[in-house]
Amino acid sequence: MSTDLATLRGLAHLARLEFDPANEQQVLGDLNKILDWVDQLRQLDTTDVEPLVHLSQEINVLRPDEAHNTVSHAAGLSNAPRKDSDYFRVPKVLE
């Protein structure tokens, strides 16, 4: 399967793409290579192949949700450029 410049320009218009006229031939060649590859895939016999729904058989493999402090309050404030007793000092954002 191959396409021409008119089809490429029509697709570009529908997809709201703009191609430099100097590069249209290169884009057309790339599009034709993709379409040729899809044609090759269509020739494969996939009658006994089940559709792939998920890449993995694992379902919801999550770690336990356990709350724990990894940095102490004092260690968190130790590198702060400005602090006020137990809080970070930051520049005023709202007037």
C-alpha atoms as a PDB file:
ATOM      1  CA  MET A   1       0.000   0.000   0.000  1.00  0.00           C
ATOM      2  CA  SER A   2       1.331   3.437  -0.808  1.00  0.00           C
ATOM      3  CA  THR A   3       0.004   6.951  -0.662  1.00  0.00           C
ATOM      4  CA  ASP A   4       0.637  10.181  -2.539  1.00  0.00           C
ATOM      5  CA  LEU A   5       1.242  13.838  -1.652  1.00  0.00           C
ATOM      6  CA  ALA A   6      -2.443  14.736  -1.908  1.00  0.00           C
ATOM      7  CA  THR A   7      -3.340  12.105   0.685  1.00  0.00           C
ATOM      8  CA  LEU A   8      -0.457  13.203   2.906  1.00  0.00           C
ATOM      9  CA  ARG A   9      -1.608  16.820   2.733  1.00  0.00           C
ATOM     10  CA  GLY A  10      -5.172  15.771   3.502  1.00  0.00           C
ATOM     11  CA  LEU A  11      -4.051  13.772   6.539  1.00  0.00           C
ATOM     12  CA  ALA A  12      -1.868  16.664   7.667  1.00  0.00           C
ATOM     13  CA  HIS A  13      -4.845  19.002   7.427  1.00  0.00           C
ATOM     14  CA  LEU A  14      -7.074  16.663   9.447  1.00  0.00           C
ATOM     15  CA  ALA A  15      -4.379  16.192  12.098  1.00  0.00           C
ATOM     16  CA  ARG A  16      -3.589  19.926  12.111  1.00  0.00           C
ATOM     17  CA  LEU A  17       0.031  19.263  11.151  1.00  0.00           C
ATOM     18  CA  GLU A  18       2.221  21.487   9.057  1.00  0.00           C
ATOM     19  CA  PHE A  19       5.041  20.045   6.976  1.00  0.00           C
ATOM     20  CA  ASP A  20       7.797  22.036   5.375  1.00  0.00           C
ATOM     21  CA  PRO A  21       7.388  21.563   1.585  1.00  0.00           C
ATOM     22  CA  ALA A  22      11.057  20.565   1.395  1.00  0.00           C
ATOM     23  CA  ASN A  23      10.439  17.703   3.851  1.00  0.00           C
ATOM     24  CA  GLU A  24       7.149  16.445   2.398  1.00  0.00           C
ATOM     25  CA  GLN A  25       8.881  13.790   0.291  1.00  0.00           C
ATOM     26  CA  GLN A  26      10.735  12.452   3.335  1.00  0.00           C
ATOM     27  CA  VAL A  27       7.538  12.330   5.402  1.00  0.00           C
ATOM     28  CA  LEU A  28       5.735  10.654   2.503  1.00  0.00           C
ATOM     29  CA  GLY A  29       8.490   8.040   2.291  1.00  0.00           C
ATOM     30  CA  ASP A  30       8.284   7.382   6.034  1.00  0.00           C
ATOM     31  CA  LEU A  31       4.494   7.072   5.861  1.00  0.00           C
ATOM     32  CA  ASN A  32       4.757   4.604   2.974  1.00  0.00           C
ATOM     33  CA  LYS A  33       7.287   2.522   4.948  1.00  0.00           C
ATOM     34  CA  ILE A  34       4.865   2.384   7.887  1.00  0.00           C
ATOM     35  CA  LEU A  35       1.992   1.357   5.630  1.00  0.00           C
ATOM     36  CA  ASP A  36       4.143  -1.340   4.005  1.00  0.00           C
ATOM     37  CA  TRP A  37       5.035  -2.680   7.453  1.00  0.00           C
ATOM     38  CA  VAL A  38       1.333  -2.802   8.392  1.00  0.00           C
ATOM     39  CA  ASP A  39       0.662  -4.740   5.174  1.00  0.00           C
ATOM     40  CA  GLN A  40       3.329  -7.261   6.202  1.00  0.00           C
ATOM     41  CA  LEU A  41       1.636  -7.669   9.583  1.00  0.00           C
ATOM     42  CA  ARG A  42      -1.716  -8.285   7.899  1.00  0.00           C
ATOM     43  CA  GLN A  43      -0.228 -11.285   6.088  1.00  0.00           C
ATOM     44  CA  LEU A  44       0.557 -13.085   9.349  1.00  0.00           C
ATOM     45  CA  ASP A  45      -1.713 -15.917  10.432  1.00  0.00           C
ATOM     46  CA  THR A  46      -3.076 -14.928  13.837  1.00  0.00           C
ATOM     47  CA  THR A  47      -5.992 -17.344  14.076  1.00  0.00           C
ATOM     48  CA  ASP A  48      -4.663 -19.151  17.184  1.00  0.00           C
ATOM     49  CA  VAL A  49      -3.255 -16.053  18.878  1.00  0.00           C
ATOM     50  CA  GLU A  50      -5.286 -14.612  21.718  1.00  0.00           C
ATOM     51  CA  PRO A  51      -5.575 -10.829  21.829  1.00  0.00           C
ATOM     52  CA  LEU A  52      -3.193  -9.141  24.247  1.00  0.00           C
ATOM     53  CA  VAL A  53      -5.155  -7.224  26.819  1.00  0.00           C
ATOM     54  CA  HIS A  54      -2.462  -6.734  29.474  1.00  0.00           C
ATOM     55  CA  LEU A  55       1.301  -6.954  29.215  1.00  0.00           C
ATOM     56  CA  SER A  56       1.545  -8.815  32.487  1.00  0.00           C
ATOM     57  CA  GLN A  57      -0.483 -11.511  34.196  1.00  0.00           C
ATOM     58  CA  GLU A  58       0.003  -9.767  37.530  1.00  0.00           C
ATOM     59  CA  ILE A  59      -3.030  -7.911  38.883  1.00  0.00           C
ATOM     60  CA  ASN A  60      -2.681  -5.013  41.322  1.00  0.00           C
ATOM     61  CA  VAL A  61       0.732  -5.923  42.650  1.00  0.00           C
ATOM     62  CA  LEU A  62       1.143  -3.175  45.210  1.00  0.00           C
ATOM     63  CA  ARG A  63       3.170  -2.783  48.329  1.00  0.00           C
ATOM     64  CA  PRO A  64       1.330  -2.544  51.647  1.00  0.00           C
ATOM     65  CA  ASP A  65       0.298   1.014  52.440  1.00  0.00           C
ATOM     66  CA  GLU A  66       2.060   1.605  55.745  1.00  0.00           C
ATOM     67  CA  ALA A  67       2.714   5.105  57.032  1.00  0.00           C
ATOM     68  CA  HIS A  68       6.145   5.693  58.519  1.00  0.00           C
ATOM     69  CA  ASN A  69       8.442   8.699  58.881  1.00  0.00           C
ATOM     70  CA  THR A  70      11.633   8.435  56.902  1.00  0.00           C
ATOM     71  CA  VAL A  71      12.970  11.869  57.860  1.00  0.00           C
ATOM     72  CA  SER A  72      12.641  13.267  61.349  1.00  0.00           C
ATOM     73  CA  HIS A  73      11.219  16.729  61.902  1.00  0.00           C
ATOM     74  CA  ALA A  74      14.566  18.108  63.048  1.00  0.00           C
ATOM     75  CA  ALA A  75      16.435  16.565  60.111  1.00  0.00           C
ATOM     76  CA  GLY A  76      13.904  18.013  57.683  1.00  0.00           C
ATOM     77  CA  LEU A  77      14.385  21.513  59.061  1.00  0.00           C
ATOM     78  CA  SER A  78      18.161  21.213  59.395  1.00  0.00           C
ATOM     79  CA  ASN A  79      18.890  22.212  55.764  1.00  0.00           C
ATOM     80  CA  ALA A  80      16.174  24.870  55.472  1.00  0.00           C
ATOM     81  CA  PRO A  81      17.571  28.271  54.444  1.00  0.00           C
ATOM     82  CA  ARG A  82      15.022  30.012  56.679  1.00  0.00           C
ATOM     83  CA  LYS A  83      12.977  28.491  59.474  1.00  0.00           C
ATOM     84  CA  ASP A  84      10.781  29.706  62.298  1.00  0.00           C
ATOM     85  CA  SER A  85      10.854  27.285  65.235  1.00  0.00           C
ATOM     86  CA  ASP A  86       9.029  24.276  63.747  1.00  0.00           C
ATOM     87  CA  TYR A  87       8.155  25.638  60.270  1.00  0.00           C
ATOM     88  CA  PHE A  88       9.790  26.547  56.978  1.00  0.00           C
ATOM     89  CA  ARG A  89       9.850  30.276  56.188  1.00  0.00           C
ATOM     90  CA  VAL A  90       8.999  31.041  52.572  1.00  0.00           C
ATOM     91  CA  PRO A  91       8.460  34.291  50.669  1.00  0.00           C
ATOM     92  CA  LYS A  92       4.951  35.720  50.734  1.00  0.00           C
ATOM     93  CA  VAL A  93       2.909  34.516  47.754  1.00  0.00           C
ATOM     94  CA  LEU A  94      -0.420  36.287  48.214  1.00  0.00           C
ATOM     95  CA  GLU A  95      -0.882  39.926  49.122  1.00  0.00           C
END
